C-alpha atoms as a PDB file:
ATOM      1  CA  UNK A   1       0.002   0.002  -0.003  1.00  0.00           C
ATOM      2  CA  UNK A   2       2.867   2.344   0.694  1.00  0.00           C
ATOM      3  CA  UNK A   3       4.182   1.938  -2.795  1.00  0.00           C
ATOM      4  CA  UNK A   4       0.797   3.037  -4.143  1.00  0.00           C
ATOM      5  CA  UNK A   5       0.875   6.179  -1.909  1.00  0.00           C
ATOM      6  CA  UNK A   6       4.362   6.992  -3.170  1.00  0.00           C
ATOM      7  CA  UNK A   7       3.325   6.491  -6.751  1.00  0.00           C
ATOM      8  CA  UNK A   8       0.379   8.913  -6.313  1.00  0.00           C
ATOM      9  CA  UNK A   9       2.543  11.449  -4.572  1.00  0.00           C
ATOM     10  CA  UNK A  10       5.169  11.312  -7.309  1.00  0.00           C
ATOM     11  CA  UNK A  11       2.448  11.673  -9.988  1.00  0.00           C
ATOM     12  CA  UNK A  12       1.068  14.831  -8.379  1.00  0.00           C
ATOM     13  CA  UNK A  13       4.642  16.246  -7.958  1.00  0.00           C
ATOM     14  CA  UNK A  14       5.483  15.603 -11.646  1.00  0.00           C
ATOM     15  CA  UNK A  15       2.069  16.647 -12.813  1.00  0.00           C
ATOM     16  CA  UNK A  16       2.399  20.018 -11.239  1.00  0.00           C
ATOM     17  CA  UNK A  17       5.136  20.942 -13.719  1.00  0.00           C
ATOM     18  CA  UNK A  18       2.866  20.029 -16.718  1.00  0.00           C
ATOM     19  CA  UNK A  19      -0.203  21.652 -15.112  1.00  0.00           C
ATOM     20  CA  UNK A  20       1.547  25.034 -14.644  1.00  0.00           C
ATOM     21  CA  UNK A  21       2.980  25.113 -18.097  1.00  0.00           C
ATOM     22  CA  UNK A  22      -0.335  23.948 -19.670  1.00  0.00           C
ATOM     23  CA  UNK A  23      -2.255  26.585 -17.868  1.00  0.00           C
ATOM     24  CA  UNK A  24       0.063  29.209 -19.131  1.00  0.00           C
ATOM     25  CA  UNK A  25      -0.215  28.028 -22.612  1.00  0.00           C
ATOM     26  CA  UNK A  26      -4.022  27.750 -22.180  1.00  0.00           C
ATOM     27  CA  UNK A  27      -4.108  31.484 -21.473  1.00  0.00           C
ATOM     28  CA  UNK A  28      -2.094  32.111 -24.564  1.00  0.00           C
ATOM     29  CA  UNK A  29      -4.331  30.081 -26.794  1.00  0.00           C
ATOM     30  CA  UNK A  30      -7.523  31.652 -25.411  1.00  0.00           C
ATOM     31  CA  UNK A  31      -6.042  35.008 -26.533  1.00  0.00           C
ATOM     32  CA  UNK A  32      -5.483  33.558 -29.978  1.00  0.00           C
ATOM     33  CA  UNK A  33      -1.663  32.947 -29.698  1.00  0.00           C
ATOM     34  CA  UNK A  34       0.113  29.728 -29.994  1.00  0.00           C
ATOM     35  CA  UNK A  35       3.624  29.694 -28.303  1.00  0.00           C
ATOM     36  CA  UNK A  36       5.773  26.690 -29.188  1.00  0.00           C
ATOM     37  CA  UNK A  37       8.651  28.092 -27.210  1.00  0.00           C
ATOM     38  CA  UNK A  38       7.488  26.787 -23.861  1.00  0.00           C
ATOM     39  CA  UNK A  39      10.413  24.359 -23.543  1.00  0.00           C
ATOM     40  CA  UNK A  40      12.973  27.096 -24.102  1.00  0.00           C
ATOM     41  CA  UNK A  41      11.269  29.359 -21.553  1.00  0.00           C
ATOM     42  CA  UNK A  42      11.108  26.517 -19.024  1.00  0.00           C
ATOM     43  CA  UNK A  43      14.814  25.735 -19.453  1.00  0.00           C
ATOM     44  CA  UNK A  44      15.896  29.289 -19.016  1.00  0.00           C
ATOM     45  CA  UNK A  45      13.676  29.701 -16.039  1.00  0.00           C
ATOM     46  CA  UNK A  46      15.015  26.466 -14.576  1.00  0.00           C
ATOM     47  CA  UNK A  47      18.579  27.697 -14.609  1.00  0.00           C
ATOM     48  CA  UNK A  48      17.521  31.108 -13.385  1.00  0.00           C
ATOM     49  CA  UNK A  49      15.616  29.581 -10.461  1.00  0.00           C
ATOM     50  CA  UNK A  50      18.352  27.129  -9.661  1.00  0.00           C
ATOM     51  CA  UNK A  51      21.109  29.725  -9.698  1.00  0.00           C
ATOM     52  CA  UNK A  52      19.071  32.084  -7.584  1.00  0.00           C
ATOM     53  CA  UNK A  53      18.499  29.465  -4.939  1.00  0.00           C
ATOM     54  CA  UNK A  54      22.194  28.557  -4.991  1.00  0.00           C
ATOM     55  CA  UNK A  55      23.292  32.150  -4.258  1.00  0.00           C
ATOM     56  CA  UNK A  56      20.415  33.228  -2.013  1.00  0.00           C
ATOM     57  CA  UNK A  57      19.095  30.034  -0.356  1.00  0.00           C
ATOM     58  CA  UNK A  58      15.507  31.261  -0.949  1.00  0.00           C
ATOM     59  CA  UNK A  59      13.134  29.148  -2.822  1.00  0.00           C
ATOM     60  CA  UNK A  60      10.628  32.046  -3.140  1.00  0.00           C
ATOM     61  CA  UNK A  61      13.283  34.146  -4.878  1.00  0.00           C
ATOM     62  CA  UNK A  62      14.080  31.173  -7.098  1.00  0.00           C
ATOM     63  CA  UNK A  63      10.434  30.881  -8.222  1.00  0.00           C
ATOM     64  CA  UNK A  64      10.291  34.642  -8.711  1.00  0.00           C
ATOM     65  CA  UNK A  65      13.395  34.574 -10.875  1.00  0.00           C
ATOM     66  CA  UNK A  66      11.977  31.781 -12.958  1.00  0.00           C
ATOM     67  CA  UNK A  67       8.716  33.632 -13.461  1.00  0.00           C
ATOM     68  CA  UNK A  68      10.556  36.837 -14.361  1.00  0.00           C
ATOM     69  CA  UNK A  69      12.654  35.099 -17.028  1.00  0.00           C
ATOM     70  CA  UNK A  70       9.630  33.344 -18.470  1.00  0.00           C
ATOM     71  CA  UNK A  71       7.727  36.604 -18.688  1.00  0.00           C
ATOM     72  CA  UNK A  72      10.597  38.520 -20.344  1.00  0.00           C
ATOM     73  CA  UNK A  73      11.086  35.749 -22.941  1.00  0.00           C
ATOM     74  CA  UNK A  74       7.313  35.553 -23.558  1.00  0.00           C
ATOM     75  CA  UNK A  75       7.215  39.353 -23.854  1.00  0.00           C
ATOM     76  CA  UNK A  76       9.882  39.240 -26.503  1.00  0.00           C
ATOM     77  CA  UNK A  77       7.950  36.528 -28.337  1.00  0.00           C
ATOM     78  CA  UNK A  78       4.775  38.611 -28.007  1.00  0.00           C
ATOM     79  CA  UNK A  79       6.407  41.743 -29.528  1.00  0.00           C
ATOM     80  CA  UNK A  80       7.765  39.745 -32.474  1.00  0.00           C
ATOM     81  CA  UNK A  81       4.492  37.953 -33.145  1.00  0.00           C
ATOM     82  CA  UNK A  82       1.826  40.531 -32.152  1.00  0.00           C
ATOM     83  CA  UNK A  83       3.437  43.849 -33.147  1.00  0.00           C
ATOM     84  CA  UNK A  84       5.854  42.773 -35.948  1.00  0.00           C
ATOM     85  CA  UNK A  85       3.634  40.028 -37.415  1.00  0.00           C
ATOM     86  CA  UNK A  86       6.250  37.230 -37.502  1.00  0.00           C
ATOM     87  CA  UNK A  87       4.943  33.629 -37.852  1.00  0.00           C
ATOM     88  CA  UNK A  88       3.929  32.266 -34.459  1.00  0.00           C
ATOM     89  CA  UNK A  89       5.109  28.764 -35.133  1.00  0.00           C
ATOM     90  CA  UNK A  90       8.539  29.721 -36.500  1.00  0.00           C
ATOM     91  CA  UNK A  91       9.085  32.257 -33.744  1.00  0.00           C
ATOM     92  CA  UNK A  92       8.091  29.813 -31.052  1.00  0.00           C
ATOM     93  CA  UNK A  93      10.457  27.111 -32.322  1.00  0.00           C
ATOM     94  CA  UNK A  94      13.225  29.691 -32.573  1.00  0.00           C
ATOM     95  CA  UNK A  95      12.557  30.744 -28.975  1.00  0.00           C
ATOM     96  CA  UNK A  96      12.663  27.020 -27.914  1.00  0.00           C
ATOM     97  CA  UNK A  97      16.005  26.437 -29.623  1.00  0.00           C
ATOM     98  CA  UNK A  98      17.455  29.635 -28.150  1.00  0.00           C
ATOM     99  CA  UNK A  99      16.360  28.567 -24.667  1.00  0.00           C
ATOM    100  CA  UNK A 100      17.964  25.156 -25.006  1.00  0.00           C
ATOM    101  CA  UNK A 101      21.285  26.637 -26.103  1.00  0.00           C
ATOM    102  CA  UNK A 102      21.289  29.632 -23.784  1.00  0.00           C
ATOM    103  CA  UNK A 103      20.379  27.618 -20.677  1.00  0.00           C
ATOM    104  CA  UNK A 104      23.104  25.063 -21.437  1.00  0.00           C
ATOM    105  CA  UNK A 105      25.676  27.852 -21.778  1.00  0.00           C
ATOM    106  CA  UNK A 106      24.661  29.703 -18.655  1.00  0.00           C
ATOM    107  CA  UNK A 107      24.333  26.489 -16.686  1.00  0.00           C
ATOM    108  CA  UNK A 108      27.870  25.222 -17.400  1.00  0.00           C
ATOM    109  CA  UNK A 109      29.099  26.302 -14.011  1.00  0.00           C
ATOM    110  CA  UNK A 110      26.223  24.631 -12.172  1.00  0.00           C
ATOM    111  CA  UNK A 111      26.350  21.182 -13.791  1.00  0.00           C
ATOM    112  CA  UNK A 112      25.803  18.432 -11.200  1.00  0.00           C
ATOM    113  CA  UNK A 113      25.566  20.939  -8.449  1.00  0.00           C
ATOM    114  CA  UNK A 114      22.886  20.022  -5.838  1.00  0.00           C
ATOM    115  CA  UNK A 115      20.756  22.112  -3.637  1.00  0.00           C
ATOM    116  CA  UNK A 116      20.533  21.459   0.121  1.00  0.00           C
ATOM    117  CA  UNK A 117      17.821  19.013   1.318  1.00  0.00           C
ATOM    118  CA  UNK A 118      14.404  20.405   0.528  1.00  0.00           C
ATOM    119  CA  UNK A 119      11.987  21.244   3.262  1.00  0.00           C
ATOM    120  CA  UNK A 120       9.321  18.628   3.870  1.00  0.00           C
ATOM    121  CA  UNK A 121       5.681  19.831   3.987  1.00  0.00           C
ATOM    122  CA  UNK A 122       2.709  18.209   5.492  1.00  0.00           C
ATOM    123  CA  UNK A 123      -0.931  19.236   6.115  1.00  0.00           C
ATOM    124  CA  UNK A 124      -1.467  18.910   9.898  1.00  0.00           C
ATOM    125  CA  UNK A 125      -3.537  15.864  10.918  1.00  0.00           C
ATOM    126  CA  UNK A 126      -4.469  14.927   7.320  1.00  0.00           C
ATOM    127  CA  UNK A 127      -0.822  13.904   6.552  1.00  0.00           C
ATOM    128  CA  UNK A 128      -1.088  11.160   9.118  1.00  0.00           C
ATOM    129  CA  UNK A 129      -4.021   9.355   7.478  1.00  0.00           C
ATOM    130  CA  UNK A 130      -2.867   5.992   6.223  1.00  0.00           C
ATOM    131  CA  UNK A 131      -2.295   5.798   2.482  1.00  0.00           C
ATOM    132  CA  UNK A 132      -4.221   8.984   1.741  1.00  0.00           C
ATOM    133  CA  UNK A 133      -1.969  11.192   3.883  1.00  0.00           C
ATOM    134  CA  UNK A 134       1.384  10.328   2.279  1.00  0.00           C
ATOM    135  CA  UNK A 135      -0.263  10.343  -1.157  1.00  0.00           C
ATOM    136  CA  UNK A 136      -2.152  13.593  -1.035  1.00  0.00           C
ATOM    137  CA  UNK A 137      -1.241  15.680   1.996  1.00  0.00           C
ATOM    138  CA  UNK A 138       2.521  15.743   2.031  1.00  0.00           C
ATOM    139  CA  UNK A 139       3.115  17.798  -1.092  1.00  0.00           C
ATOM    140  CA  UNK A 140       4.869  21.088  -1.745  1.00  0.00           C
ATOM    141  CA  UNK A 141       2.420  24.044  -1.357  1.00  0.00           C
ATOM    142  CA  UNK A 142       2.817  24.770  -5.053  1.00  0.00           C
ATOM    143  CA  UNK A 143       1.104  21.507  -5.889  1.00  0.00           C
ATOM    144  CA  UNK A 144      -1.990  22.668  -4.086  1.00  0.00           C
ATOM    145  CA  UNK A 145      -1.530  26.116  -5.588  1.00  0.00           C
ATOM    146  CA  UNK A 146      -1.500  24.705  -9.130  1.00  0.00           C
ATOM    147  CA  UNK A 147      -4.822  22.870  -8.399  1.00  0.00           C
ATOM    148  CA  UNK A 148      -6.474  25.955  -7.018  1.00  0.00           C
ATOM    149  CA  UNK A 149      -5.198  28.094  -9.888  1.00  0.00           C
ATOM    150  CA  UNK A 150      -6.663  25.594 -12.390  1.00  0.00           C
ATOM    151  CA  UNK A 151     -10.105  25.976 -10.753  1.00  0.00           C
ATOM    152  CA  UNK A 152      -9.765  29.686 -10.518  1.00  0.00           C
ATOM    153  CA  UNK A 153      -8.788  29.972 -14.193  1.00  0.00           C
ATOM    154  CA  UNK A 154     -11.792  28.037 -15.246  1.00  0.00           C
ATOM    155  CA  UNK A 155     -14.045  30.363 -13.245  1.00  0.00           C
ATOM    156  CA  UNK A 156     -12.192  33.389 -14.613  1.00  0.00           C
ATOM    157  CA  UNK A 157     -12.531  32.397 -18.250  1.00  0.00           C
ATOM    158  CA  UNK A 158     -16.163  31.382 -18.207  1.00  0.00           C
ATOM    159  CA  UNK A 159     -17.708  33.441 -15.315  1.00  0.00           C
ATOM    160  CA  UNK A 160     -16.165  36.851 -15.522  1.00  0.00           C
ATOM    161  CA  UNK A 161     -16.382  39.758 -17.965  1.00  0.00           C
ATOM    162  CA  UNK A 162     -12.581  39.855 -18.347  1.00  0.00           C
ATOM    163  CA  UNK A 163     -12.486  36.234 -19.233  1.00  0.00           C
ATOM    164  CA  UNK A 164     -15.102  36.798 -21.807  1.00  0.00           C
ATOM    165  CA  UNK A 165     -13.109  39.601 -23.361  1.00  0.00           C
ATOM    166  CA  UNK A 166      -9.992  37.461 -23.390  1.00  0.00           C
ATOM    167  CA  UNK A 167     -11.854  34.650 -25.182  1.00  0.00           C
ATOM    168  CA  UNK A 168     -13.423  37.085 -27.633  1.00  0.00           C
ATOM    169  CA  UNK A 169     -10.023  38.396 -28.470  1.00  0.00           C
ATOM    170  CA  UNK A 170      -8.899  34.933 -29.348  1.00  0.00           C
ATOM    171  CA  UNK A 171     -11.999  33.806 -31.186  1.00  0.00           C
ATOM    172  CA  UNK A 172     -13.069  36.982 -32.887  1.00  0.00           C
ATOM    173  CA  UNK A 173     -10.415  39.754 -32.698  1.00  0.00           C
ATOM    174  CA  UNK A 174     -12.241  41.933 -35.230  1.00  0.00           C
ATOM    175  CA  UNK A 175     -15.366  42.088 -33.132  1.00  0.00           C
ATOM    176  CA  UNK A 176     -13.351  42.739 -29.999  1.00  0.00           C
ATOM    177  CA  UNK A 177     -11.565  45.609 -31.738  1.00  0.00           C
ATOM    178  CA  UNK A 178     -14.902  47.006 -32.957  1.00  0.00           C
ATOM    179  CA  UNK A 179     -16.100  47.042 -29.400  1.00  0.00           C
ATOM    180  CA  UNK A 180     -13.143  49.217 -28.396  1.00  0.00           C
ATOM    181  CA  UNK A 181     -10.796  46.732 -26.898  1.00  0.00           C
ATOM    182  CA  UNK A 182      -7.038  46.932 -27.636  1.00  0.00           C
ATOM    183  CA  UNK A 183      -6.554  43.445 -29.029  1.00  0.00           C
ATOM    184  CA  UNK A 184      -2.711  43.672 -29.294  1.00  0.00           C
ATOM    185  CA  UNK A 185      -2.323  44.867 -25.690  1.00  0.00           C
ATOM    186  CA  UNK A 186      -4.699  42.193 -24.304  1.00  0.00           C
ATOM    187  CA  UNK A 187      -2.820  39.489 -26.236  1.00  0.00           C
ATOM    188  CA  UNK A 188       0.534  40.695 -24.978  1.00  0.00           C
ATOM    189  CA  UNK A 189      -0.689  40.597 -21.431  1.00  0.00           C
ATOM    190  CA  UNK A 190      -1.974  37.052 -21.900  1.00  0.00           C
ATOM    191  CA  UNK A 191       1.333  35.937 -23.519  1.00  0.00           C
ATOM    192  CA  UNK A 192       3.454  37.455 -20.680  1.00  0.00           C
ATOM    193  CA  UNK A 193       1.187  35.874 -18.049  1.00  0.00           C
ATOM    194  CA  UNK A 194       1.415  32.486 -19.757  1.00  0.00           C
ATOM    195  CA  UNK A 195       5.256  32.849 -20.002  1.00  0.00           C
ATOM    196  CA  UNK A 196       5.468  33.666 -16.256  1.00  0.00           C
ATOM    197  CA  UNK A 197       3.580  30.395 -15.548  1.00  0.00           C
ATOM    198  CA  UNK A 198       5.854  28.400 -17.815  1.00  0.00           C
ATOM    199  CA  UNK A 199       8.781  30.035 -16.010  1.00  0.00           C
ATOM    200  CA  UNK A 200       7.311  28.947 -12.663  1.00  0.00           C
ATOM    201  CA  UNK A 201       7.016  25.480 -13.974  1.00  0.00           C
ATOM    202  CA  UNK A 202      10.703  25.442 -15.044  1.00  0.00           C
ATOM    203  CA  UNK A 203      11.895  26.854 -11.683  1.00  0.00           C
ATOM    204  CA  UNK A 204       9.807  24.138  -9.924  1.00  0.00           C
ATOM    205  CA  UNK A 205      11.680  21.414 -11.847  1.00  0.00           C
ATOM    206  CA  UNK A 206      15.145  22.567 -10.899  1.00  0.00           C
ATOM    207  CA  UNK A 207      14.369  23.780  -7.335  1.00  0.00           C
ATOM    208  CA  UNK A 208      11.853  21.166  -6.057  1.00  0.00           C
ATOM    209  CA  UNK A 209      11.221  18.277  -8.425  1.00  0.00           C
ATOM    210  CA  UNK A 210      14.920  17.590  -9.323  1.00  0.00           C
ATOM    211  CA  UNK A 211      17.059  19.888  -7.139  1.00  0.00           C
ATOM    212  CA  UNK A 212      20.151  19.770  -9.228  1.00  0.00           C
ATOM    213  CA  UNK A 213      21.202  21.127 -12.545  1.00  0.00           C
ATOM    214  CA  UNK A 214      21.601  18.901 -15.590  1.00  0.00           C
ATOM    215  CA  UNK A 215      21.795  20.222 -19.104  1.00  0.00           C
ATOM    216  CA  UNK A 216      18.538  19.779 -20.978  1.00  0.00           C
ATOM    217  CA  UNK A 217      16.644  18.589 -17.905  1.00  0.00           C
ATOM    218  CA  UNK A 218      13.264  19.778 -19.188  1.00  0.00           C
ATOM    219  CA  UNK A 219      13.657  18.005 -22.432  1.00  0.00           C
ATOM    220  CA  UNK A 220      14.665  14.824 -20.646  1.00  0.00           C
END
């Protein structure tokens, strides 16, 4: 039974990375933008988060650094695609390739370096429940944060006026523009937000999921 609990716990831990990145890309797609550069953003965010934790010892600063790097790279992608009209797919692939090479170059000095033992988290009382406790209630807070954000995003997209505007920008940009909404600006905000979430996912990989730096760790 213990092995099943460990399997479920590991699945939730690994799934958090995919969930954060997928939610970020979902926001992009709802605004009508497809960003294929997620892997590159995650890799750069991973080395940014890892290096920040190495030098500061703060996981929070590591996550913030990862989100900042992801947002900046997504902002560059957004400017190229939304304002300059470059091809979304080609630009995304170029961003991905750039991220792979740049993260490998920057991370040379951190290869095989490990972070100190990670703090263990547990929900009081619930973490002691046999099987369920180790499987569900001994996770990093970001695991629960990703779940909560997924529910909040669904509510935001389909139950709020702002979510309706975001979806209209993606589905019918001409109509949104006719109603007075700045389509380009809204799309850029969505792209940067999605990039920040991809950056958070990348930082989570190198800081929590696999607390050491290995070249190409996201791709692997």
